[in-house]
Each structure stands twice: as C-alpha cells, then as structure tokens.
Amino acid sequence: MLPLLLTSVLHLHLLLGPLLLQLLRLLQIVWLLLLLLLLLLLLLRLLLVVLVLPLLLLLLLLLLLL
C-alpha cells in the first residue's frame, strides 16, 4: 500500500511540477508588468508636475498682469 501511495504522489509531483513552474513564470511576468506600470505612472505624474505647474504659474502671472 505504501509504495503504491509513494508512486502516485511521485506521479502527481511529476505532473504538477511543470505546471507550478509555468505558474511561477506567469506570476513573475505579471509582477514585472505591474512594476513597469507603476514606474510609468510615477513618470507620468512627474511629467505632469514638471510640465503643468509652470504652465499654471504662467497663466496665473498673465491673469495677474491683465
């Protein structure tokens, strides 16, 4: 009974091993994509601050001068 159980567990392990590896790879890819997205959002926010704030200040100055 025990050897049969061991062999069936081994078979399960052999079957699930590649699947688990593929799942881990998928998780890594998803993680990397999320990190890239976060970086892009931070960059966009930085660009927004760098580009929009001076424009707003210029508009305010123009309004004040008028």
N, C-alpha and C. Protein backbone atom coordinates (compact mmCIF):
# COMPACT_ATOMS: atom_id res chain seq x y z
N MET A 1 0.82 -1.21 0.00
CA MET A 1 0.00 0.00 0.00
C MET A 1 0.86 1.26 0.00
N LEU A 2 1.88 1.27 0.86
CA LEU A 2 2.74 2.44 0.97
C LEU A 2 3.52 2.73 -0.32
N PRO A 3 4.14 1.71 -0.95
CA PRO A 3 4.85 2.00 -2.22
C PRO A 3 3.92 2.54 -3.29
N LEU A 4 2.70 2.02 -3.34
CA LEU A 4 1.71 2.49 -4.31
C LEU A 4 1.41 3.97 -4.07
N LEU A 5 1.22 4.32 -2.80
CA LEU A 5 0.95 5.70 -2.41
C LEU A 5 2.12 6.58 -2.82
N LEU A 6 3.33 6.12 -2.54
CA LEU A 6 4.53 6.89 -2.87
C LEU A 6 4.64 7.12 -4.37
N THR A 7 4.39 6.07 -5.15
CA THR A 7 4.49 6.23 -6.60
C THR A 7 3.41 7.17 -7.13
N SER A 8 2.20 7.10 -6.55
CA SER A 8 1.15 8.00 -7.03
C SER A 8 1.49 9.44 -6.66
N VAL A 9 2.06 9.66 -5.48
CA VAL A 9 2.49 11.01 -5.08
C VAL A 9 3.59 11.49 -6.01
N LEU A 10 4.51 10.59 -6.33
CA LEU A 10 5.60 10.95 -7.25
C LEU A 10 5.05 11.32 -8.62
N HIS A 11 4.08 10.53 -9.10
CA HIS A 11 3.46 10.85 -10.39
C HIS A 11 2.79 12.22 -10.35
N LEU A 12 2.06 12.48 -9.27
CA LEU A 12 1.41 13.78 -9.11
C LEU A 12 2.44 14.90 -9.13
N HIS A 13 3.55 14.65 -8.42
CA HIS A 13 4.60 15.67 -8.37
C HIS A 13 5.18 15.92 -9.76
N LEU A 14 5.40 14.84 -10.50
CA LEU A 14 5.95 14.97 -11.85
C LEU A 14 4.96 15.68 -12.77
N LEU A 15 3.67 15.44 -12.55
CA LEU A 15 2.66 16.11 -13.37
C LEU A 15 2.51 17.58 -13.01
N LEU A 16 2.54 17.86 -11.70
CA LEU A 16 2.29 19.23 -11.25
C LEU A 16 3.53 20.11 -11.31
N GLY A 17 4.72 19.50 -11.31
CA GLY A 17 5.96 20.27 -11.32
C GLY A 17 6.03 21.30 -12.44
N PRO A 18 5.90 20.87 -13.70
CA PRO A 18 5.96 21.84 -14.82
C PRO A 18 4.85 22.88 -14.74
N LEU A 19 3.67 22.46 -14.31
CA LEU A 19 2.55 23.41 -14.17
C LEU A 19 2.89 24.48 -13.15
N LEU A 20 3.45 24.06 -12.03
CA LEU A 20 3.83 25.01 -10.99
C LEU A 20 4.91 25.96 -11.50
N LEU A 21 5.86 25.42 -12.25
CA LEU A 21 6.91 26.26 -12.81
C LEU A 21 6.32 27.31 -13.75
N GLN A 22 5.38 26.87 -14.58
CA GLN A 22 4.75 27.82 -15.51
C GLN A 22 3.96 28.87 -14.75
N LEU A 23 3.28 28.47 -13.68
CA LEU A 23 2.55 29.42 -12.85
C LEU A 23 3.50 30.44 -12.24
N LEU A 24 4.64 29.96 -11.76
CA LEU A 24 5.63 30.87 -11.17
C LEU A 24 6.14 31.85 -12.22
N ARG A 25 6.39 31.36 -13.43
CA ARG A 25 6.84 32.25 -14.50
C ARG A 25 5.79 33.30 -14.80
N LEU A 26 4.53 32.87 -14.88
CA LEU A 26 3.43 33.80 -15.13
C LEU A 26 3.36 34.86 -14.03
N LEU A 27 3.50 34.42 -12.79
CA LEU A 27 3.47 35.35 -11.67
C LEU A 27 4.62 36.36 -11.77
N GLN A 28 5.79 35.88 -12.14
CA GLN A 28 6.94 36.78 -12.31
C GLN A 28 6.66 37.81 -13.40
N ILE A 29 6.10 37.35 -14.53
CA ILE A 29 5.80 38.26 -15.64
C ILE A 29 4.78 39.30 -15.21
N VAL A 30 3.72 38.84 -14.51
CA VAL A 30 2.68 39.76 -14.04
C VAL A 30 3.26 40.77 -13.07
N TRP A 31 4.13 40.30 -12.18
CA TRP A 31 4.77 41.17 -11.20
C TRP A 31 5.60 42.24 -11.90
N LEU A 32 6.39 41.81 -12.90
CA LEU A 32 7.22 42.75 -13.66
C LEU A 32 6.36 43.78 -14.39
N LEU A 33 5.26 43.32 -14.97
CA LEU A 33 4.36 44.24 -15.67
C LEU A 33 3.76 45.26 -14.72
N LEU A 34 3.37 44.80 -13.53
CA LEU A 34 2.80 45.71 -12.53
C LEU A 34 3.84 46.75 -12.11
N LEU A 35 5.08 46.30 -11.91
CA LEU A 35 6.14 47.24 -11.54
C LEU A 35 6.38 48.26 -12.64
N LEU A 36 6.39 47.80 -13.89
CA LEU A 36 6.58 48.72 -15.02
C LEU A 36 5.45 49.74 -15.10
N LEU A 37 4.23 49.26 -14.86
CA LEU A 37 3.07 50.15 -14.88
C LEU A 37 3.19 51.21 -13.80
N LEU A 38 3.61 50.77 -12.61
CA LEU A 38 3.80 51.70 -11.50
C LEU A 38 4.85 52.75 -11.84
N LEU A 39 5.96 52.30 -12.44
CA LEU A 39 7.02 53.24 -12.83
C LEU A 39 6.51 54.23 -13.87
N LEU A 40 5.74 53.73 -14.84
CA LEU A 40 5.18 54.61 -15.86
C LEU A 40 4.25 55.65 -15.25
N LEU A 41 3.43 55.21 -14.30
CA LEU A 41 2.52 56.14 -13.63
C LEU A 41 3.30 57.20 -12.87
N LEU A 42 4.37 56.79 -12.19
CA LEU A 42 5.20 57.75 -11.46
C LEU A 42 5.84 58.74 -12.42
N LEU A 43 6.34 58.24 -13.55
CA LEU A 43 6.95 59.11 -14.55
C LEU A 43 5.94 60.10 -15.11
N LEU A 44 4.73 59.60 -15.39
CA LEU A 44 3.69 60.49 -15.91
C LEU A 44 3.33 61.57 -14.89
N ARG A 45 3.29 61.17 -13.63
CA ARG A 45 2.98 62.14 -12.59
C ARG A 45 4.08 63.20 -12.51
N LEU A 46 5.31 62.72 -12.60
CA LEU A 46 6.44 63.65 -12.58
C LEU A 46 6.37 64.62 -13.76
N LEU A 47 6.10 64.08 -14.94
CA LEU A 47 5.97 64.92 -16.12
C LEU A 47 4.84 65.92 -15.95
N LEU A 48 3.74 65.45 -15.39
CA LEU A 48 2.60 66.32 -15.15
C LEU A 48 2.99 67.48 -14.25
N VAL A 49 3.70 67.14 -13.17
CA VAL A 49 4.12 68.19 -12.24
C VAL A 49 5.10 69.13 -12.92
N VAL A 50 6.06 68.58 -13.65
CA VAL A 50 7.09 69.41 -14.27
C VAL A 50 6.52 70.29 -15.38
N LEU A 51 5.58 69.74 -16.16
CA LEU A 51 5.06 70.49 -17.30
C LEU A 51 3.87 71.38 -16.95
N VAL A 52 2.97 70.85 -16.13
CA VAL A 52 1.71 71.57 -15.91
C VAL A 52 1.87 72.71 -14.91
N LEU A 53 2.66 72.48 -13.86
CA LEU A 53 2.81 73.53 -12.85
C LEU A 53 3.39 74.83 -13.42
N PRO A 54 4.46 74.80 -14.20
CA PRO A 54 4.94 76.06 -14.78
C PRO A 54 3.90 76.72 -15.69
N LEU A 55 3.16 75.91 -16.45
CA LEU A 55 2.12 76.47 -17.30
C LEU A 55 1.04 77.17 -16.48
N LEU A 56 0.66 76.53 -15.38
CA LEU A 56 -0.34 77.15 -14.50
C LEU A 56 0.20 78.44 -13.89
N LEU A 57 1.46 78.43 -13.51
CA LEU A 57 2.06 79.63 -12.94
C LEU A 57 2.11 80.74 -13.98
N LEU A 58 2.46 80.40 -15.21
CA LEU A 58 2.48 81.39 -16.28
C LEU A 58 1.09 81.96 -16.51
N LEU A 59 0.08 81.10 -16.53
CA LEU A 59 -1.30 81.56 -16.69
C LEU A 59 -1.70 82.50 -15.57
N LEU A 60 -1.34 82.15 -14.36
CA LEU A 60 -1.65 83.00 -13.21
C LEU A 60 -0.97 84.36 -13.35
N LEU A 61 0.29 84.33 -13.77
CA LEU A 61 1.03 85.59 -13.97
C LEU A 61 0.35 86.44 -15.03
N LEU A 62 -0.02 85.80 -16.13
CA LEU A 62 -0.69 86.54 -17.20
C LEU A 62 -2.00 87.14 -16.72
N LEU A 63 -2.76 86.36 -15.96
CA LEU A 63 -4.02 86.86 -15.43
C LEU A 63 -3.80 88.03 -14.48
N LEU A 64 -2.76 87.92 -13.69
CA LEU A 64 -2.46 88.99 -12.74
C LEU A 64 -2.01 90.25 -13.48
N LEU A 65 -1.25 90.06 -14.56
CA LEU A 65 -0.77 91.22 -15.32
C LEU A 65 -1.90 91.90 -16.08
N LEU A 66 -2.87 91.12 -16.51
CA LEU A 66 -4.01 91.70 -17.20
C LEU A 66 -4.89 92.39 -16.18
